[in-house]
Amino acid sequence: MLYQYDATGDKCPLPLVKLRVILKKMQSGDSCLMQILDKGSKKDIPALLLRQGYQFSQRELANNVIELAIAKG
């Protein structure tokens, strides 16, 4: 299943809290595509994903938006 979350309108810590809910729902083979704009979230979310062992990639979109592609193995 592909989860999508556009967090560009949300401020820290809301994107982190909502992502944790999504991560708990994700099964093996699922992925999540997330866009973030908040400066704190840009730092905190990749750190969380690294700590929890998720595979992810990130790229910068227009207007300083970061898009994360998160996979659960």
C-alpha atoms as a PDB file:
ATOM      1  CA  MET A   1       0.000   0.000   0.000  1.00  0.00           C
ATOM      2  CA  LEU A   2       1.176   3.525  -0.737  1.00  0.00           C
ATOM      3  CA  TYR A   3       0.544   6.119   1.949  1.00  0.00           C
ATOM      4  CA  GLN A   4       0.737   9.785   0.963  1.00  0.00           C
ATOM      5  CA  TYR A   5       1.016  12.701   3.366  1.00  0.00           C
ATOM      6  CA  ASP A   6       1.363  16.337   2.313  1.00  0.00           C
ATOM      7  CA  ALA A   7       2.636  18.038   5.459  1.00  0.00           C
ATOM      8  CA  THR A   8       3.598  21.314   3.780  1.00  0.00           C
ATOM      9  CA  GLY A   9       0.868  23.155   5.687  1.00  0.00           C
ATOM     10  CA  ASP A  10       1.701  21.580   9.069  1.00  0.00           C
ATOM     11  CA  LYS A  11       4.165  22.892  11.656  1.00  0.00           C
ATOM     12  CA  CYS A  12       6.419  20.842  13.933  1.00  0.00           C
ATOM     13  CA  PRO A  13       5.641  18.560  15.779  1.00  0.00           C
ATOM     14  CA  LEU A  14       2.449  17.655  13.847  1.00  0.00           C
ATOM     15  CA  PRO A  15       4.211  16.116  10.789  1.00  0.00           C
ATOM     16  CA  LEU A  16       6.300  13.899  13.082  1.00  0.00           C
ATOM     17  CA  VAL A  17       3.270  12.790  15.097  1.00  0.00           C
ATOM     18  CA  LYS A  18       1.211  12.013  11.986  1.00  0.00           C
ATOM     19  CA  LEU A  19       4.122  10.165  10.365  1.00  0.00           C
ATOM     20  CA  ARG A  20       4.513   7.961  13.446  1.00  0.00           C
ATOM     21  CA  VAL A  21       0.857   6.938  13.064  1.00  0.00           C
ATOM     22  CA  ILE A  22       1.443   6.082   9.398  1.00  0.00           C
ATOM     23  CA  LEU A  23       4.609   4.118  10.214  1.00  0.00           C
ATOM     24  CA  LYS A  24       2.676   2.002  12.738  1.00  0.00           C
ATOM     25  CA  LYS A  25       0.071   1.168  10.067  1.00  0.00           C
ATOM     26  CA  MET A  26       2.647   0.251   7.421  1.00  0.00           C
ATOM     27  CA  GLN A  27       3.185  -3.435   6.653  1.00  0.00           C
ATOM     28  CA  SER A  28       6.211  -5.018   5.015  1.00  0.00           C
ATOM     29  CA  GLY A  29       6.393  -3.865   1.389  1.00  0.00           C
ATOM     30  CA  ASP A  30       4.383  -0.673   2.016  1.00  0.00           C
ATOM     31  CA  SER A  31       5.731   2.781   1.261  1.00  0.00           C
ATOM     32  CA  CYS A  32       4.966   6.368   2.160  1.00  0.00           C
ATOM     33  CA  LEU A  33       5.470   9.498   0.085  1.00  0.00           C
ATOM     34  CA  MET A  34       5.641  12.602   2.258  1.00  0.00           C
ATOM     35  CA  GLN A  35       6.247  16.292   1.552  1.00  0.00           C
ATOM     36  CA  ILE A  36       7.515  18.596   4.318  1.00  0.00           C
ATOM     37  CA  LEU A  37       8.300  22.298   4.477  1.00  0.00           C
ATOM     38  CA  ASP A  38       8.761  22.987   8.205  1.00  0.00           C
ATOM     39  CA  LYS A  39      12.427  23.486   9.159  1.00  0.00           C
ATOM     40  CA  GLY A  40      12.197  21.401  12.345  1.00  0.00           C
ATOM     41  CA  SER A  41      10.487  18.533  10.533  1.00  0.00           C
ATOM     42  CA  LYS A  42      13.182  18.526   7.848  1.00  0.00           C
ATOM     43  CA  LYS A  43      15.694  17.756  10.597  1.00  0.00           C
ATOM     44  CA  ASP A  44      13.636  15.561  12.945  1.00  0.00           C
ATOM     45  CA  ILE A  45      11.897  13.223  10.487  1.00  0.00           C
ATOM     46  CA  PRO A  46      15.010  11.893   8.689  1.00  0.00           C
ATOM     47  CA  ALA A  47      16.676  11.430  12.106  1.00  0.00           C
ATOM     48  CA  LEU A  48      13.689   9.383  13.311  1.00  0.00           C
ATOM     49  CA  LEU A  49      13.705   7.248  10.159  1.00  0.00           C
ATOM     50  CA  LEU A  50      17.422   6.535  10.528  1.00  0.00           C
ATOM     51  CA  ARG A  51      17.029   5.603  14.217  1.00  0.00           C
ATOM     52  CA  GLN A  52      14.159   3.243  13.439  1.00  0.00           C
ATOM     53  CA  GLY A  53      15.925   1.618  10.483  1.00  0.00           C
ATOM     54  CA  TYR A  54      13.608   2.694   7.670  1.00  0.00           C
ATOM     55  CA  GLN A  55      14.946   2.950   4.149  1.00  0.00           C
ATOM     56  CA  PHE A  56      14.197   6.326   2.605  1.00  0.00           C
ATOM     57  CA  SER A  57      15.323   8.769  -0.007  1.00  0.00           C
ATOM     58  CA  GLN A  58      14.750  12.482  -0.133  1.00  0.00           C
ATOM     59  CA  ARG A  59      14.761  15.112  -2.818  1.00  0.00           C
ATOM     60  CA  GLU A  60      14.153  18.830  -2.866  1.00  0.00           C
ATOM     61  CA  LEU A  61      11.144  20.086  -4.785  1.00  0.00           C
ATOM     62  CA  ALA A  62      10.198  23.677  -5.607  1.00  0.00           C
ATOM     63  CA  ASN A  63       9.853  26.276  -2.834  1.00  0.00           C
ATOM     64  CA  ASN A  64      12.127  24.415  -0.357  1.00  0.00           C
ATOM     65  CA  VAL A  65       9.745  21.467  -0.052  1.00  0.00           C
ATOM     66  CA  ILE A  66      11.450  18.155   0.746  1.00  0.00           C
ATOM     67  CA  GLU A  67       9.869  14.931  -0.492  1.00  0.00           C
ATOM     68  CA  LEU A  68      10.632  11.727   1.390  1.00  0.00           C
ATOM     69  CA  ALA A  69      10.025   8.282  -0.105  1.00  0.00           C
ATOM     70  CA  ILE A  70       9.904   5.848   2.824  1.00  0.00           C
ATOM     71  CA  ALA A  71       9.884   2.053   2.475  1.00  0.00           C
ATOM     72  CA  LYS A  72       9.172  -0.614   5.049  1.00  0.00           C
ATOM     73  CA  GLY A  73      11.148  -3.772   4.332  1.00  0.00           C
END
